Amino acid sequence: MKRALQPMNETYVDLKGRSYSLADLEPRERTLVRELMANSSRRDWSDFRNYWIGRVDEFYSARGLNRREIQQSLLYRIGQDLGSRIAVAAGLARAPDYRDELEEIIRSNFRTRREFCDATGLSEDMLSHVLSRRKHLAVDRLEAALDKIGYSLHLVPAPRPRKPRK
């Protein structure tokens, strides 16, 4: 498993390619990030999940944070991401793609898929095929649809190289 932490610039890159600076973390928090990363390569998914949740909870509970505050912490998100990497590598889950983000936009901003389709100009039939992973949207069509609702398409570095499709 490729390490997501770059020691030179102290940045964590998650499965979706989002970068998180670790510069604002306390030294003990950065140490815990490294510990979580080291343990993620030596454990299976369920064992690691139990381990990281316990460690992060123990760490922040001792500092007086409640469950909600702990779940909003960067260390919690990193633990989730490391667990997701294990699940993807083991074939228990799939890596996220643009359709996951599209679903989140729909869920967060529209009451129904129909409302989303009316706003973007996409057909409900096509959206259904895309979200069920039977079809893809052409990049120019996706860009035009997103532009209509105030979103844009951008490329981010992949956290790990993907194998080329055949």
Protein backbone atom coordinates (compact mmCIF):
# COMPACT_ATOMS: atom_id res chain seq x y z
CA MET A 1 0.00 0.00 0.00
CA LYS A 2 1.47 3.34 -1.02
CA ARG A 3 1.98 5.76 1.85
CA ALA A 4 -0.34 8.77 1.74
CA LEU A 5 1.82 10.91 4.03
CA GLN A 6 4.59 12.87 2.37
CA PRO A 7 7.22 13.48 5.10
CA MET A 8 8.74 16.53 3.39
CA ASN A 9 5.60 18.65 3.18
CA GLU A 10 3.48 17.00 5.87
CA THR A 11 0.44 16.50 3.68
CA TYR A 12 -2.05 13.66 3.71
CA VAL A 13 -3.80 12.85 0.41
CA ASP A 14 -7.01 10.83 0.68
CA LEU A 15 -8.52 8.34 -1.77
CA LYS A 16 -10.44 11.12 -3.52
CA GLY A 17 -7.23 13.09 -4.08
CA ARG A 18 -8.00 15.76 -1.47
CA SER A 19 -4.94 17.10 0.35
CA TYR A 20 -4.90 17.84 4.06
CA SER A 21 -2.10 19.79 5.67
CA LEU A 22 -0.78 18.27 8.87
CA ALA A 23 1.18 21.42 9.73
CA ASP A 24 -1.46 22.66 12.18
CA LEU A 25 -1.58 19.39 14.09
CA GLU A 26 0.23 19.12 17.38
CA PRO A 27 3.35 16.91 17.35
CA ARG A 28 1.47 14.15 19.25
CA GLU A 29 -1.31 14.23 16.65
CA ARG A 30 1.23 13.90 13.82
CA THR A 31 2.80 10.98 15.68
CA LEU A 32 -0.61 9.32 15.90
CA VAL A 33 -1.13 9.83 12.14
CA ARG A 34 2.16 8.02 11.49
CA GLU A 35 1.18 5.26 13.92
CA LEU A 36 -2.16 4.78 12.17
CA MET A 37 -0.42 4.62 8.80
CA ALA A 38 2.14 2.11 9.99
CA ASN A 39 -0.56 -0.12 11.46
CA SER A 40 -2.79 0.12 8.38
CA SER A 41 -0.28 -1.84 6.33
CA ARG A 42 -0.16 -4.70 8.85
CA ARG A 43 -3.84 -5.31 9.56
CA ASP A 44 -6.97 -6.50 7.82
CA TRP A 45 -9.91 -4.11 7.42
CA SER A 46 -12.02 -5.07 10.47
CA ASP A 47 -9.02 -5.36 12.77
CA PHE A 48 -7.71 -1.97 11.63
CA ARG A 49 -11.14 -0.36 12.00
CA ASN A 50 -11.41 -1.48 15.61
CA TYR A 51 -7.84 -0.38 16.24
CA TRP A 52 -7.98 3.14 14.73
CA ILE A 53 -11.37 4.05 16.18
CA GLY A 54 -10.17 3.01 19.64
CA ARG A 55 -6.86 4.88 19.33
CA VAL A 56 -8.41 8.12 18.03
CA ASP A 57 -11.22 7.96 20.60
CA GLU A 58 -8.75 7.32 23.43
CA PHE A 59 -6.49 10.14 22.25
CA TYR A 60 -9.19 12.81 22.03
CA SER A 61 -11.38 11.61 24.92
CA ALA A 62 -8.38 12.13 27.20
CA ARG A 63 -8.39 15.75 25.98
CA GLY A 64 -12.06 16.21 26.81
CA LEU A 65 -13.55 16.02 23.30
CA ASN A 66 -16.99 14.51 22.88
CA ARG A 67 -17.90 11.90 20.26
CA ARG A 68 -19.15 14.46 17.74
CA GLU A 69 -15.98 16.56 18.03
CA ILE A 70 -13.83 13.44 17.64
CA GLN A 71 -15.69 12.43 14.48
CA GLN A 72 -15.05 15.86 12.98
CA SER A 73 -11.30 15.70 13.60
CA LEU A 74 -8.71 15.28 10.88
CA LEU A 75 -7.33 12.17 12.60
CA TYR A 76 -10.76 10.55 12.44
CA ARG A 77 -11.04 11.31 8.70
CA ILE A 78 -7.55 9.91 8.14
CA GLY A 79 -8.46 6.73 10.03
CA GLN A 80 -11.58 6.35 7.88
CA ASP A 81 -9.56 6.91 4.72
CA LEU A 82 -6.87 4.39 5.70
CA GLY A 83 -9.60 1.85 6.45
CA SER A 84 -11.15 2.55 3.06
CA ARG A 85 -7.81 1.91 1.39
CA ILE A 86 -7.58 -1.49 3.09
CA ALA A 87 -11.14 -2.35 2.01
CA VAL A 88 -10.44 -1.34 -1.61
CA ALA A 89 -7.17 -3.30 -1.70
CA ALA A 90 -8.93 -6.38 -0.29
CA GLY A 91 -11.75 -6.12 -2.83
CA LEU A 92 -14.33 -5.37 -0.13
CA ALA A 93 -15.13 -1.93 -1.55
CA ARG A 94 -14.51 0.04 -4.72
CA ALA A 95 -12.49 3.19 -5.09
CA PRO A 96 -14.61 6.36 -5.29
CA ASP A 97 -15.18 8.09 -8.61
CA TYR A 98 -17.00 11.14 -10.01
CA ARG A 99 -20.38 9.42 -9.68
CA ASP A 100 -20.06 9.36 -5.90
CA GLU A 101 -19.51 13.11 -5.90
CA LEU A 102 -22.44 13.58 -8.28
CA GLU A 103 -24.70 11.60 -5.93
CA GLU A 104 -23.55 13.75 -3.01
CA ILE A 105 -24.36 16.95 -4.94
CA ILE A 106 -27.84 15.62 -5.68
CA ARG A 107 -28.44 14.51 -2.09
CA SER A 108 -27.19 17.77 -0.60
CA ASN A 109 -28.74 20.29 -2.99
CA PHE A 110 -31.86 18.81 -4.54
CA ARG A 111 -35.02 17.24 -3.19
CA THR A 112 -35.19 14.70 -6.00
CA ARG A 113 -33.20 13.42 -8.93
CA ARG A 114 -35.85 14.93 -11.20
CA GLU A 115 -35.17 18.36 -9.71
CA PHE A 116 -31.46 17.87 -10.38
CA CYS A 117 -32.15 16.79 -13.96
CA ASP A 118 -34.40 19.80 -14.57
CA ALA A 119 -31.64 22.11 -13.30
CA THR A 120 -28.84 20.49 -15.31
CA GLY A 121 -30.59 19.46 -18.49
CA LEU A 122 -29.64 15.81 -18.06
CA SER A 123 -32.28 13.17 -18.68
CA GLU A 124 -33.46 11.10 -15.75
CA ASP A 125 -32.80 7.96 -17.77
CA MET A 126 -29.17 8.91 -18.44
CA LEU A 127 -28.62 9.93 -14.82
CA SER A 128 -29.99 6.58 -13.66
CA HIS A 129 -27.59 4.72 -15.96
CA VAL A 130 -24.63 6.84 -14.82
CA LEU A 131 -25.34 6.48 -11.10
CA SER A 132 -25.85 2.73 -11.46
CA ARG A 133 -22.47 2.55 -13.23
CA ARG A 134 -23.83 1.24 -16.53
CA LYS A 135 -22.81 4.35 -18.49
CA HIS A 136 -20.54 7.38 -18.28
CA LEU A 137 -21.27 11.00 -19.09
CA ALA A 138 -19.08 12.61 -21.74
CA VAL A 139 -16.75 15.16 -20.15
CA ASP A 140 -18.17 18.12 -22.11
CA ARG A 141 -21.72 17.13 -21.19
CA LEU A 142 -20.81 16.71 -17.52
CA GLU A 143 -19.04 20.10 -17.49
CA ALA A 144 -22.03 21.84 -19.06
CA ALA A 145 -24.47 20.23 -16.60
CA LEU A 146 -22.33 21.10 -13.58
CA ASP A 147 -21.85 24.67 -14.79
CA LYS A 148 -25.64 25.17 -14.78
CA ILE A 149 -25.76 24.47 -11.04
CA GLY A 150 -22.60 26.30 -10.04
CA TYR A 151 -20.10 23.45 -9.99
CA SER A 152 -17.02 22.77 -12.08
CA LEU A 153 -15.02 19.76 -13.02
CA HIS A 154 -11.36 19.60 -12.03
CA LEU A 155 -8.65 16.99 -11.98
CA VAL A 156 -6.65 16.10 -8.91
CA PRO A 157 -3.63 13.85 -8.51
CA ALA A 158 -4.57 10.25 -7.80
CA PRO A 159 -3.40 9.00 -4.40
CA ARG A 160 -2.03 5.94 -6.17
CA PRO A 161 -1.60 5.06 -9.82
CA ARG A 162 -4.51 3.07 -11.22
CA LYS A 163 -3.99 0.08 -13.46
CA PRO A 164 -4.88 0.85 -17.07
CA ARG A 165 -8.17 -0.58 -18.29
CA LYS A 166 -8.06 -3.17 -21.04
